[in-house]
Protein backbone atom coordinates (compact mmCIF):
# COMPACT_ATOMS: atom_id res chain seq x y z
CA MET A 1 0.00 0.00 0.00
CA ALA A 2 2.88 2.36 0.75
CA GLY A 3 4.16 1.90 -2.79
CA VAL A 4 0.70 2.66 -4.18
CA ALA A 5 0.44 5.79 -2.00
CA LEU A 6 3.82 7.00 -3.21
CA ALA A 7 2.83 6.25 -6.79
CA TRP A 8 -0.27 8.41 -6.36
CA GLN A 9 1.76 11.19 -4.75
CA LEU A 10 4.33 11.26 -7.55
CA GLY A 11 1.83 10.64 -10.32
CA PHE A 12 2.90 7.12 -11.26
CA VAL A 13 0.80 4.06 -12.00
CA SER A 14 3.23 1.89 -10.03
CA THR A 15 6.48 2.31 -8.14
CA PRO A 16 8.75 -0.63 -7.23
CA PRO A 17 8.58 -1.18 -3.43
CA GLU A 18 12.34 -0.86 -2.93
CA VAL A 19 12.48 2.41 -4.85
CA ALA A 20 9.44 3.69 -2.97
CA ARG A 21 11.26 2.94 0.27
CA PHE A 22 14.15 5.22 -0.75
CA VAL A 23 11.75 8.10 -1.38
CA ARG A 24 9.99 7.53 1.95
CA LEU A 25 13.33 7.46 3.77
CA GLY A 26 14.30 10.71 2.09
CA ASP A 27 10.99 12.34 2.98
CA SER A 28 11.31 11.23 6.61
CA ALA A 29 14.87 12.53 6.84
CA ALA A 30 13.82 15.87 5.33
CA ARG A 31 11.02 16.25 7.89
CA ARG A 32 13.61 15.73 10.64
CA GLY A 33 15.85 18.34 9.05
CA ASP A 34 18.50 15.80 8.03
CA LEU A 35 19.09 17.15 4.54
CA GLU A 36 22.16 15.18 3.50
CA PRO A 37 20.60 11.75 4.29
CA ALA A 38 17.44 12.93 2.52
CA ARG A 39 19.40 13.87 -0.57
CA VAL A 40 21.25 10.54 -0.55
CA SER A 41 17.99 8.55 -0.33
CA TRP A 42 16.25 10.57 -3.04
CA ARG A 43 19.28 10.26 -5.30
CA ARG A 44 19.27 6.51 -4.78
CA ALA A 45 15.65 6.43 -5.95
CA TRP A 46 16.62 8.45 -9.03
CA ASP A 47 19.57 6.20 -9.78
CA GLU A 48 17.27 3.18 -9.48
CA GLY A 49 15.22 4.56 -12.37
CA LEU A 50 12.46 6.64 -10.74
CA ARG A 51 11.96 9.61 -13.07
CA HIS A 52 9.49 12.30 -12.04
CA PRO A 53 9.71 16.10 -11.75
CA ALA A 54 8.56 15.89 -8.11
CA LEU A 55 11.64 13.82 -7.30
CA ALA A 56 13.85 16.23 -9.25
CA ALA A 57 12.28 19.09 -7.26
CA ARG A 58 13.05 17.29 -3.99
CA LEU A 59 16.68 16.81 -4.99
CA GLY A 60 17.00 20.41 -6.13
CA TRP A 61 15.40 21.71 -2.93
CA ALA A 62 17.84 19.70 -0.79
CA ALA A 63 20.75 21.00 -2.85
CA LEU A 64 19.65 24.61 -2.35
CA GLN A 65 19.23 24.09 1.38
CA LEU A 66 22.85 22.90 1.41
CA ASP A 67 23.94 25.99 -0.61
CA ALA A 68 24.66 23.87 -3.70
CA VAL A 69 23.17 26.24 -6.29
CA GLY A 70 24.87 24.45 -9.16
CA GLU A 71 23.35 21.11 -8.25
CA GLY A 72 19.97 22.78 -7.81
CA ALA A 73 20.20 24.18 -11.34
CA VAL A 74 20.99 20.72 -12.70
CA TRP A 75 17.80 19.31 -11.17
CA VAL A 76 15.72 22.14 -12.60
CA ILE A 77 16.88 21.27 -16.12
CA ARG A 78 16.46 17.53 -15.63
CA GLY A 79 13.01 18.02 -14.15
CA HIS A 80 11.89 20.22 -17.05
CA LEU A 81 12.65 17.37 -19.43
CA LEU A 82 10.11 15.30 -17.50
CA ASP A 83 7.33 17.85 -16.99
CA ALA A 84 7.68 21.55 -17.70
CA ARG A 85 4.62 22.49 -15.62
CA ASP A 86 5.20 20.71 -12.33
CA PRO A 87 4.42 23.24 -9.52
CA GLY A 88 7.23 22.05 -7.25
CA LEU A 89 9.68 22.34 -10.10
CA ALA A 90 8.44 25.85 -10.92
CA GLU A 91 9.06 26.91 -7.32
CA LEU A 92 12.53 25.37 -7.42
CA GLU A 93 13.36 27.16 -10.67
CA SER A 94 12.30 30.48 -9.15
CA ARG A 95 14.51 29.95 -6.11
CA VAL A 96 17.49 28.84 -8.19
CA ARG A 97 17.20 31.93 -10.38
CA GLU A 98 16.97 34.13 -7.28
CA ALA A 99 20.23 32.55 -6.10
CA GLY A 100 21.88 33.48 -9.41
CA GLY A 101 21.63 30.09 -11.07
CA LEU A 102 20.53 29.04 -14.58
CA LEU A 103 22.39 31.89 -16.27
CA GLY A 104 22.97 30.82 -19.87
CA VAL A 105 20.46 27.97 -19.81
CA GLY A 106 18.39 29.31 -22.69
CA TRP A 107 14.99 27.82 -23.48
CA LEU A 108 13.85 25.08 -21.11
CA GLY A 109 11.21 23.68 -23.43
CA ALA A 110 7.52 24.16 -24.19
CA PRO A 111 5.23 24.31 -21.12
CA VAL A 112 3.38 21.18 -22.23
CA ARG A 113 3.06 17.98 -20.21
CA ARG A 114 4.05 14.60 -21.63
CA LEU A 115 0.45 13.42 -21.45
CA GLU A 116 -0.63 16.44 -23.46
CA TRP A 117 1.97 15.68 -26.14
CA SER A 118 0.69 12.09 -26.27
CA LEU A 119 -2.92 13.24 -26.63
CA LEU A 120 -1.90 15.67 -29.37
CA ALA A 121 -0.08 12.86 -31.19
CA LEU A 122 -3.19 10.68 -30.90
CA VAL A 123 -5.50 13.39 -32.26
CA LEU A 124 -3.13 14.18 -35.13
CA GLY A 125 -2.74 10.49 -35.94
CA LEU A 126 -6.50 9.97 -36.07
CA THR A 127 -6.90 13.09 -38.20
CA ALA A 128 -4.24 11.90 -40.64
CA GLY A 129 -5.98 8.53 -40.88
CA LEU A 130 -9.33 10.14 -41.65
CA TRP A 131 -7.82 12.43 -44.27
CA TRP A 132 -5.70 9.79 -45.99
CA PRO A 133 -4.93 9.78 -48.90
CA ARG A 134 -6.01 13.37 -49.46
CA ARG A 135 -3.46 16.14 -49.94
CA GLY A 136 -1.86 17.31 -46.70
CA ALA A 137 -2.58 14.12 -44.77
CA TRP A 138 1.09 13.17 -44.76
CA ILE A 139 1.99 16.50 -43.14
CA VAL A 140 -0.44 15.80 -40.30
CA ALA A 141 1.01 12.28 -39.99
CA VAL A 142 4.54 13.70 -39.66
CA LEU A 143 3.34 16.15 -37.00
CA ALA A 144 1.77 13.24 -35.12
CA VAL A 145 5.10 11.40 -35.11
CA VAL A 146 6.97 14.52 -33.94
CA ALA A 147 4.47 15.09 -31.11
CA GLY A 148 4.77 11.46 -30.05
CA LEU A 149 8.57 11.65 -29.99
CA GLU A 150 8.78 15.14 -28.46
CA SER A 151 10.25 14.02 -25.15
CA SER A 152 12.92 11.82 -26.75
CA LEU A 153 13.78 14.53 -29.28
CA GLU A 154 14.14 17.15 -26.54
CA ILE A 155 16.41 14.92 -24.47
CA ALA A 156 18.51 14.08 -27.55
CA ALA A 157 18.81 17.77 -28.45
CA ARG A 158 19.84 18.72 -24.92
CA THR A 159 22.33 15.85 -24.78
CA SER A 160 23.91 16.97 -28.06
CA ARG A 161 24.65 20.38 -26.53
CA HIS A 162 26.88 18.77 -23.86
CA GLU A 163 25.74 21.20 -21.19
CA ALA A 164 27.23 21.36 -17.70
CA VAL A 165 26.60 23.53 -14.66
CA ILE A 166 29.30 25.37 -12.74
CA THR A 167 29.36 24.48 -9.02
CA THR A 168 31.69 27.15 -7.61
CA SER A 169 32.70 30.72 -8.41
CA LEU A 170 35.83 30.77 -10.56
CA ALA A 171 37.72 32.91 -13.07
CA LEU A 172 37.82 31.63 -16.64
CA GLY A 173 41.52 31.74 -17.53
CA GLY A 174 42.71 34.97 -19.10
CA GLU A 175 39.28 35.97 -20.36
CA GLY A 176 38.64 38.15 -17.31
CA LEU A 177 35.29 36.39 -16.94
CA VAL A 178 33.99 35.04 -13.64
CA LEU A 179 31.68 32.03 -13.71
CA GLU A 180 29.16 31.74 -10.90
CA PRO A 181 27.56 28.68 -9.27
CA GLY A 182 24.56 27.53 -11.28
CA GLN A 183 25.78 29.02 -14.56
CA VAL A 184 25.22 26.78 -17.59
CA VAL A 185 28.07 26.24 -20.06
CA ARG A 186 28.80 23.87 -22.95
CA VAL A 187 31.58 21.30 -22.75
CA VAL A 188 33.42 21.43 -26.07
CA GLY A 189 36.53 19.36 -25.37
CA ARG A 190 39.31 18.37 -22.99
CA GLN A 191 42.86 19.57 -22.54
CA THR A 192 45.10 17.38 -20.35
CA ASP A 193 43.25 17.23 -17.01
CA GLN A 194 40.97 20.21 -17.70
CA VAL A 195 37.61 20.59 -19.44
CA VAL A 196 37.22 23.14 -22.24
CA VAL A 197 33.94 25.01 -21.79
CA GLU A 198 32.18 27.58 -23.94
CA VAL A 199 30.23 30.32 -22.16
CA THR A 200 29.15 32.25 -25.25
CA ARG A 201 30.08 31.80 -28.88
CA GLY A 202 33.83 32.38 -29.10
CA THR A 203 34.34 32.66 -25.34
CA ARG A 204 36.07 29.55 -24.05
CA GLY A 205 38.25 28.55 -21.15
CA LEU A 206 39.48 25.70 -18.98
CA VAL A 207 37.64 24.38 -15.93
CA ALA A 208 38.59 21.56 -13.57
CA PRO A 209 36.19 18.59 -13.90
CA GLY A 210 35.35 18.82 -10.21
CA ASN A 211 33.94 22.33 -10.68
CA LEU A 212 31.04 21.35 -12.93
CA ILE A 213 28.23 18.82 -13.20
CA PRO A 214 27.10 17.42 -16.58
CA VAL A 215 23.40 18.07 -17.09
CA LEU A 216 22.79 14.79 -18.92
CA PRO A 217 24.76 11.64 -19.76
CA SER A 218 26.76 11.68 -22.98
CA ARG A 219 24.28 9.27 -24.60
CA PRO A 220 20.64 10.18 -25.24
CA GLY A 221 18.15 8.48 -22.99
CA LYS A 222 16.52 9.13 -19.66
CA PRO A 223 17.80 12.27 -17.90
């Protein structure tokens, strides 16, 4: 029953009992004010495959409470790829921006839920079927496919940008530019034991790997 309750809370049809236990442990620790154990438990649930913006919001909230603005910004971006209109995620985004994070992130995606994209794909698919083989039906069919694949396409596009978030304030080489925690940059290469990042077009510098967090894995898939 606890797994079913957690599934309802997070909006899932089902949640594996062991994964649900990690979320419950994190929630209990957070209520006691034990933020680090809470973050560890929630992260374990995420690593076990639980993907939901409410969990991303929890992780981002814990990071902010521990003054980890960069990590908080990472969870905002990851959460947006799951549901751009989650209220907890919206609150987290507001707080991260107030703390100076998400500078350079650009567009976070259309404010449309995954279910809404699926319904749109269904409607477009049915419309294309009714119109076929009349002129223009194939355009509607293509739009149906795009709507159905929107989430995967958005994750693939974000992955291809090789984004990372700065975790500490640092000067970018001889550019005279200071990067702040939560700022989003693009990883464009490596040089010995340093990472080459691009802040804006033509503005690059070296950053130690320990001073940034990749937003997504190098391969497209679940954030």
